[in-house]
Amino acid sequence: MINPDPLIVQSVAAIVPQTDNVYSTDSHKISCVLSDIPSQVSVVKWVTDSNTANVYSAQDGTIVGTSQTSSLSLSSTQLTNLKRNGDITTFTCTIFVGDQKKAVSATQALTLFTPS
């Protein structure tokens, strides 16, 4: 059977590293690289598993060739609030590709530390 939507198989999202240690008193930036995408993605969805307001400053980036990098910036205030909810929080970037709107996502788990 021929795949009617080959973009589903090809598009990839990646965050490197997949886990990171972060001080809650610093800022942090997560970059999600979207590869083999057919055109500019105008809405990259970022979510966290933490019980927070989920209001973060994300930039979708600009496509270059068939890749685009979306970035999520976290301030020290946001990291401190996340730390109050637990030592580990996970952020996921997601795009939807193809006619069937297949979800393609990547995740980074942050272990949050407060310096003593």
N, C-alpha and C. Protein backbone atom coordinates (compact mmCIF):
# COMPACT_ATOMS: atom_id res chain seq x y z
N MET A 1 0.84 -1.17 0.00
CA MET A 1 0.00 0.00 0.00
C MET A 1 0.88 1.24 0.00
N ILE A 2 0.55 2.21 -0.80
CA ILE A 2 1.31 3.46 -0.89
C ILE A 2 0.81 4.39 0.21
N ASN A 3 1.76 4.99 0.91
CA ASN A 3 1.40 5.95 1.95
C ASN A 3 0.81 7.20 1.29
N PRO A 4 -0.47 7.52 1.54
CA PRO A 4 -1.09 8.67 0.89
C PRO A 4 -0.56 10.01 1.41
N ASP A 5 0.11 9.99 2.53
CA ASP A 5 0.61 11.23 3.12
C ASP A 5 2.05 11.01 3.58
N PRO A 6 3.03 11.04 2.66
CA PRO A 6 4.42 10.73 3.02
C PRO A 6 5.02 11.70 4.03
N LEU A 7 4.44 12.88 4.21
CA LEU A 7 4.99 13.84 5.17
C LEU A 7 4.88 13.33 6.60
N ILE A 8 3.93 12.46 6.86
CA ILE A 8 3.76 11.92 8.21
C ILE A 8 4.99 11.13 8.63
N VAL A 9 5.55 10.35 7.73
CA VAL A 9 6.68 9.50 8.05
C VAL A 9 7.97 10.31 8.16
N GLN A 10 8.11 11.36 7.37
CA GLN A 10 9.37 12.06 7.27
C GLN A 10 9.58 13.14 8.33
N SER A 11 8.56 13.87 8.70
CA SER A 11 8.74 14.99 9.62
C SER A 11 9.17 14.50 11.00
N VAL A 12 10.14 15.22 11.57
CA VAL A 12 10.71 14.83 12.86
C VAL A 12 10.87 16.08 13.73
N ALA A 13 10.64 15.92 15.02
CA ALA A 13 10.93 16.97 16.00
C ALA A 13 11.98 16.42 16.97
N ALA A 14 12.93 17.26 17.36
CA ALA A 14 13.97 16.81 18.28
C ALA A 14 14.40 17.94 19.21
N ILE A 15 14.58 17.60 20.47
CA ILE A 15 15.16 18.51 21.46
C ILE A 15 16.39 17.81 22.03
N VAL A 16 17.53 18.50 21.97
CA VAL A 16 18.77 17.95 22.49
C VAL A 16 19.33 18.93 23.51
N PRO A 17 19.62 18.49 24.72
CA PRO A 17 19.45 17.14 25.25
C PRO A 17 17.99 16.88 25.64
N GLN A 18 17.66 15.60 25.79
CA GLN A 18 16.30 15.25 26.19
C GLN A 18 16.08 15.46 27.67
N THR A 19 17.16 15.52 28.44
CA THR A 19 17.08 15.86 29.87
C THR A 19 18.14 16.91 30.15
N ASP A 20 17.84 17.79 31.11
CA ASP A 20 18.79 18.85 31.44
C ASP A 20 18.62 19.23 32.91
N ASN A 21 19.72 19.63 33.53
CA ASN A 21 19.71 20.14 34.90
C ASN A 21 19.78 21.66 34.85
N VAL A 22 18.87 22.32 35.57
CA VAL A 22 18.75 23.77 35.49
C VAL A 22 18.61 24.36 36.89
N TYR A 23 19.33 25.45 37.15
CA TYR A 23 19.13 26.18 38.39
C TYR A 23 17.91 27.09 38.23
N SER A 24 17.05 27.08 39.22
CA SER A 24 15.82 27.89 39.15
C SER A 24 16.12 29.39 39.19
N THR A 25 17.32 29.76 39.56
CA THR A 25 17.69 31.18 39.62
C THR A 25 18.23 31.70 38.28
N ASP A 26 18.40 30.81 37.31
CA ASP A 26 18.88 31.19 35.97
C ASP A 26 17.72 31.18 34.99
N SER A 27 17.96 31.69 33.81
CA SER A 27 16.99 31.53 32.73
C SER A 27 17.40 30.28 31.93
N HIS A 28 16.49 29.79 31.10
CA HIS A 28 16.78 28.58 30.33
C HIS A 28 16.05 28.67 28.99
N LYS A 29 16.69 28.17 27.95
CA LYS A 29 16.09 28.17 26.62
C LYS A 29 16.08 26.75 26.08
N ILE A 30 14.93 26.32 25.58
CA ILE A 30 14.79 25.00 24.96
C ILE A 30 14.57 25.22 23.46
N SER A 31 15.32 24.51 22.65
CA SER A 31 15.18 24.61 21.20
C SER A 31 14.66 23.28 20.65
N CYS A 32 13.58 23.38 19.89
CA CYS A 32 12.96 22.22 19.26
C CYS A 32 13.21 22.32 17.76
N VAL A 33 14.00 21.38 17.22
CA VAL A 33 14.33 21.39 15.80
C VAL A 33 13.33 20.53 15.05
N LEU A 34 12.65 21.16 14.11
CA LEU A 34 11.66 20.48 13.28
C LEU A 34 12.32 20.20 11.94
N SER A 35 12.42 18.95 11.56
CA SER A 35 13.13 18.57 10.32
C SER A 35 12.19 17.93 9.33
N ASP A 36 12.56 18.06 8.06
CA ASP A 36 11.79 17.48 6.96
C ASP A 36 10.34 17.95 6.97
N ILE A 37 10.16 19.25 7.22
CA ILE A 37 8.82 19.82 7.16
C ILE A 37 8.63 20.47 5.78
N PRO A 38 7.42 20.40 5.24
CA PRO A 38 7.21 20.88 3.87
C PRO A 38 7.12 22.39 3.73
N SER A 39 6.78 23.09 4.82
CA SER A 39 6.62 24.54 4.75
C SER A 39 6.71 25.12 6.16
N GLN A 40 6.75 26.45 6.23
CA GLN A 40 6.82 27.17 7.51
C GLN A 40 5.70 26.71 8.45
N VAL A 41 6.05 26.38 9.68
CA VAL A 41 5.05 26.05 10.71
C VAL A 41 4.77 27.33 11.47
N SER A 42 3.52 27.74 11.48
CA SER A 42 3.18 29.02 12.11
C SER A 42 2.74 28.87 13.56
N VAL A 43 2.43 27.66 13.98
CA VAL A 43 2.05 27.46 15.38
C VAL A 43 2.73 26.19 15.89
N VAL A 44 3.76 26.39 16.68
CA VAL A 44 4.39 25.27 17.38
C VAL A 44 3.80 25.29 18.78
N LYS A 45 3.19 24.19 19.18
CA LYS A 45 2.52 24.12 20.48
C LYS A 45 3.52 23.64 21.54
N TRP A 46 3.65 24.41 22.60
CA TRP A 46 4.51 24.05 23.73
C TRP A 46 3.62 23.84 24.95
N VAL A 47 3.82 22.72 25.65
CA VAL A 47 3.09 22.45 26.89
C VAL A 47 4.04 21.87 27.92
N THR A 48 3.63 21.99 29.17
CA THR A 48 4.39 21.39 30.27
C THR A 48 3.47 20.46 31.04
N ASP A 49 4.07 19.50 31.72
CA ASP A 49 3.28 18.59 32.54
C ASP A 49 3.05 19.15 33.94
N SER A 50 3.60 20.31 34.24
CA SER A 50 3.46 20.91 35.56
C SER A 50 2.12 21.62 35.71
N ASN A 51 1.67 21.68 36.92
CA ASN A 51 0.41 22.35 37.22
C ASN A 51 0.67 23.85 37.36
N THR A 52 0.85 24.50 36.21
CA THR A 52 1.12 25.94 36.18
C THR A 52 0.19 26.58 35.15
N ALA A 53 0.27 27.88 35.03
CA ALA A 53 -0.60 28.61 34.10
C ALA A 53 -0.28 28.29 32.63
N ASN A 54 0.88 27.67 32.38
CA ASN A 54 1.29 27.26 31.03
C ASN A 54 1.38 28.46 30.08
N VAL A 55 1.86 29.59 30.60
CA VAL A 55 2.05 30.79 29.79
C VAL A 55 3.55 31.02 29.65
N TYR A 56 4.05 30.74 28.46
CA TYR A 56 5.48 30.83 28.21
C TYR A 56 5.74 31.57 26.91
N SER A 57 6.94 32.08 26.77
CA SER A 57 7.32 32.86 25.59
C SER A 57 8.00 31.96 24.57
N ALA A 58 7.25 31.56 23.54
CA ALA A 58 7.80 30.70 22.50
C ALA A 58 7.93 31.47 21.20
N GLN A 59 8.97 31.14 20.46
CA GLN A 59 9.19 31.70 19.13
C GLN A 59 9.14 30.54 18.14
N ASP A 60 8.33 30.68 17.09
CA ASP A 60 8.20 29.59 16.12
C ASP A 60 9.42 29.43 15.24
N GLY A 61 10.19 30.49 15.03
CA GLY A 61 11.36 30.41 14.17
C GLY A 61 10.97 30.52 12.70
N THR A 62 11.96 30.44 11.83
CA THR A 62 11.77 30.58 10.39
C THR A 62 12.34 29.35 9.69
N ILE A 63 11.61 28.86 8.72
CA ILE A 63 12.07 27.68 7.99
C ILE A 63 13.29 28.03 7.13
N VAL A 64 14.27 27.14 7.15
CA VAL A 64 15.46 27.24 6.31
C VAL A 64 15.60 25.87 5.64
N GLY A 65 15.39 25.84 4.34
CA GLY A 65 15.36 24.56 3.63
C GLY A 65 14.11 23.81 4.06
N THR A 66 14.30 22.69 4.75
CA THR A 66 13.16 21.92 5.27
C THR A 66 13.21 21.79 6.79
N SER A 67 13.96 22.69 7.44
CA SER A 67 14.08 22.67 8.91
C SER A 67 13.69 24.01 9.51
N GLN A 68 13.20 23.94 10.73
CA GLN A 68 12.80 25.14 11.46
C GLN A 68 13.07 24.87 12.94
N THR A 69 13.53 25.89 13.66
CA THR A 69 13.79 25.74 15.09
C THR A 69 12.87 26.65 15.88
N SER A 70 12.07 26.05 16.74
CA SER A 70 11.21 26.79 17.64
C SER A 70 11.91 26.84 19.00
N SER A 71 11.85 27.99 19.66
CA SER A 71 12.53 28.15 20.95
C SER A 71 11.54 28.57 22.03
N LEU A 72 11.75 28.02 23.21
CA LEU A 72 10.96 28.38 24.38
C LEU A 72 11.90 28.96 25.42
N SER A 73 11.66 30.20 25.81
CA SER A 73 12.50 30.87 26.82
C SER A 73 11.78 30.85 28.16
N LEU A 74 12.52 30.43 29.18
CA LEU A 74 12.00 30.37 30.54
C LEU A 74 12.81 31.31 31.43
N SER A 75 12.13 32.21 32.10
CA SER A 75 12.81 33.15 33.00
C SER A 75 13.07 32.48 34.35
N SER A 76 13.90 33.10 35.15
CA SER A 76 14.17 32.56 36.48
C SER A 76 12.89 32.55 37.32
N THR A 77 12.02 33.52 37.14
CA THR A 77 10.74 33.55 37.87
C THR A 77 9.88 32.35 37.48
N GLN A 78 9.81 32.06 36.19
CA GLN A 78 9.04 30.90 35.74
C GLN A 78 9.64 29.60 36.27
N LEU A 79 10.97 29.49 36.25
CA LEU A 79 11.62 28.28 36.76
C LEU A 79 11.41 28.13 38.27
N THR A 80 11.43 29.22 38.99
CA THR A 80 11.17 29.18 40.43
C THR A 80 9.75 28.69 40.70
N ASN A 81 8.78 29.19 39.91
CA ASN A 81 7.39 28.73 40.06
C ASN A 81 7.26 27.25 39.72
N LEU A 82 7.96 26.80 38.68
CA LEU A 82 7.93 25.39 38.33
C LEU A 82 8.55 24.53 39.44
N LYS A 83 9.62 25.04 40.05
CA LYS A 83 10.30 24.31 41.12
C LYS A 83 9.36 24.11 42.31
N ARG A 84 8.48 25.07 42.56
CA ARG A 84 7.50 24.93 43.66
C ARG A 84 6.57 23.75 43.44
N ASN A 85 6.35 23.38 42.16
CA ASN A 85 5.46 22.27 41.83
C ASN A 85 6.18 20.92 41.79
N GLY A 86 7.51 20.94 41.87
CA GLY A 86 8.26 19.68 41.85
C GLY A 86 9.66 19.88 41.31
N ASP A 87 10.48 18.85 41.51
CA ASP A 87 11.88 18.94 41.09
C ASP A 87 12.07 18.68 39.60
N ILE A 88 11.14 17.97 38.98
CA ILE A 88 11.26 17.64 37.56
C ILE A 88 10.02 18.11 36.83
N THR A 89 10.23 18.78 35.72
CA THR A 89 9.12 19.19 34.86
C THR A 89 9.48 18.88 33.42
N THR A 90 8.50 18.60 32.62
CA THR A 90 8.71 18.21 31.23
C THR A 90 8.03 19.20 30.29
N PHE A 91 8.75 19.61 29.26
CA PHE A 91 8.20 20.48 28.22
C PHE A 91 8.17 19.71 26.92
N THR A 92 7.09 19.86 26.17
CA THR A 92 6.93 19.19 24.89
C THR A 92 6.56 20.20 23.81
N CYS A 93 7.25 20.12 22.68
CA CYS A 93 6.88 20.91 21.51
C CYS A 93 6.19 19.96 20.54
N THR A 94 5.12 20.45 19.91
CA THR A 94 4.34 19.62 18.99
C THR A 94 3.95 20.42 17.77
N ILE A 95 4.05 19.78 16.61
CA ILE A 95 3.48 20.34 15.38
C ILE A 95 2.56 19.28 14.80
N PHE A 96 1.69 19.71 13.90
CA PHE A 96 0.77 18.80 13.23
C PHE A 96 1.04 18.88 11.74
N VAL A 97 1.31 17.73 11.11
CA VAL A 97 1.72 17.71 9.71
C VAL A 97 0.80 16.84 8.86
N GLY A 98 0.79 17.16 7.60
CA GLY A 98 0.05 16.37 6.64
C GLY A 98 -1.44 16.62 6.67
N ASP A 99 -2.12 16.03 5.71
CA ASP A 99 -3.57 16.18 5.60
C ASP A 99 -4.29 15.60 6.80
N GLN A 100 -3.68 14.60 7.44
CA GLN A 100 -4.31 13.94 8.57
C GLN A 100 -3.92 14.58 9.90
N LYS A 101 -3.13 15.65 9.84
CA LYS A 101 -2.71 16.39 11.04
C LYS A 101 -2.08 15.47 12.09
N LYS A 102 -1.11 14.70 11.64
CA LYS A 102 -0.37 13.80 12.52
C LYS A 102 0.51 14.61 13.47
N ALA A 103 0.42 14.32 14.76
CA ALA A 103 1.24 15.02 15.76
C ALA A 103 2.67 14.51 15.70
N VAL A 104 3.61 15.45 15.65
CA VAL A 104 5.04 15.15 15.71
C VAL A 104 5.58 15.98 16.87
N SER A 105 6.21 15.33 17.84
CA SER A 105 6.62 16.07 19.04
C SER A 105 7.97 15.62 19.57
N ALA A 106 8.51 16.45 20.45
CA ALA A 106 9.76 16.15 21.15
C ALA A 106 9.64 16.71 22.57
N THR A 107 10.40 16.13 23.48
CA THR A 107 10.26 16.47 24.90
C THR A 107 11.62 16.70 25.54
N GLN A 108 11.65 17.63 26.50
CA GLN A 108 12.82 17.80 27.35
C GLN A 108 12.35 17.79 28.80
N ALA A 109 12.97 16.95 29.61
CA ALA A 109 12.71 16.90 31.05
C ALA A 109 13.75 17.74 31.76
N LEU A 110 13.28 18.68 32.56
CA LEU A 110 14.18 19.54 33.33
C LEU A 110 14.18 19.13 34.79
N THR A 111 15.37 18.91 35.33
CA THR A 111 15.51 18.72 36.78
C THR A 111 15.92 20.07 37.33
N LEU A 112 15.08 20.60 38.20
CA LEU A 112 15.28 21.97 38.72
C LEU A 112 15.97 21.94 40.08
N PHE A 113 16.96 22.78 40.22
CA PHE A 113 17.72 22.89 41.46
C PHE A 113 17.66 24.33 41.95
N THR A 114 17.66 24.48 43.25
CA THR A 114 17.77 25.80 43.87
C THR A 114 19.11 25.85 44.59
N PRO A 115 19.99 26.77 44.18
CA PRO A 115 21.30 26.81 44.84
C PRO A 115 21.17 27.17 46.32
N SER A 116 22.06 26.59 47.11
CA SER A 116 21.99 26.89 48.54
C SER A 116 22.94 27.96 48.96
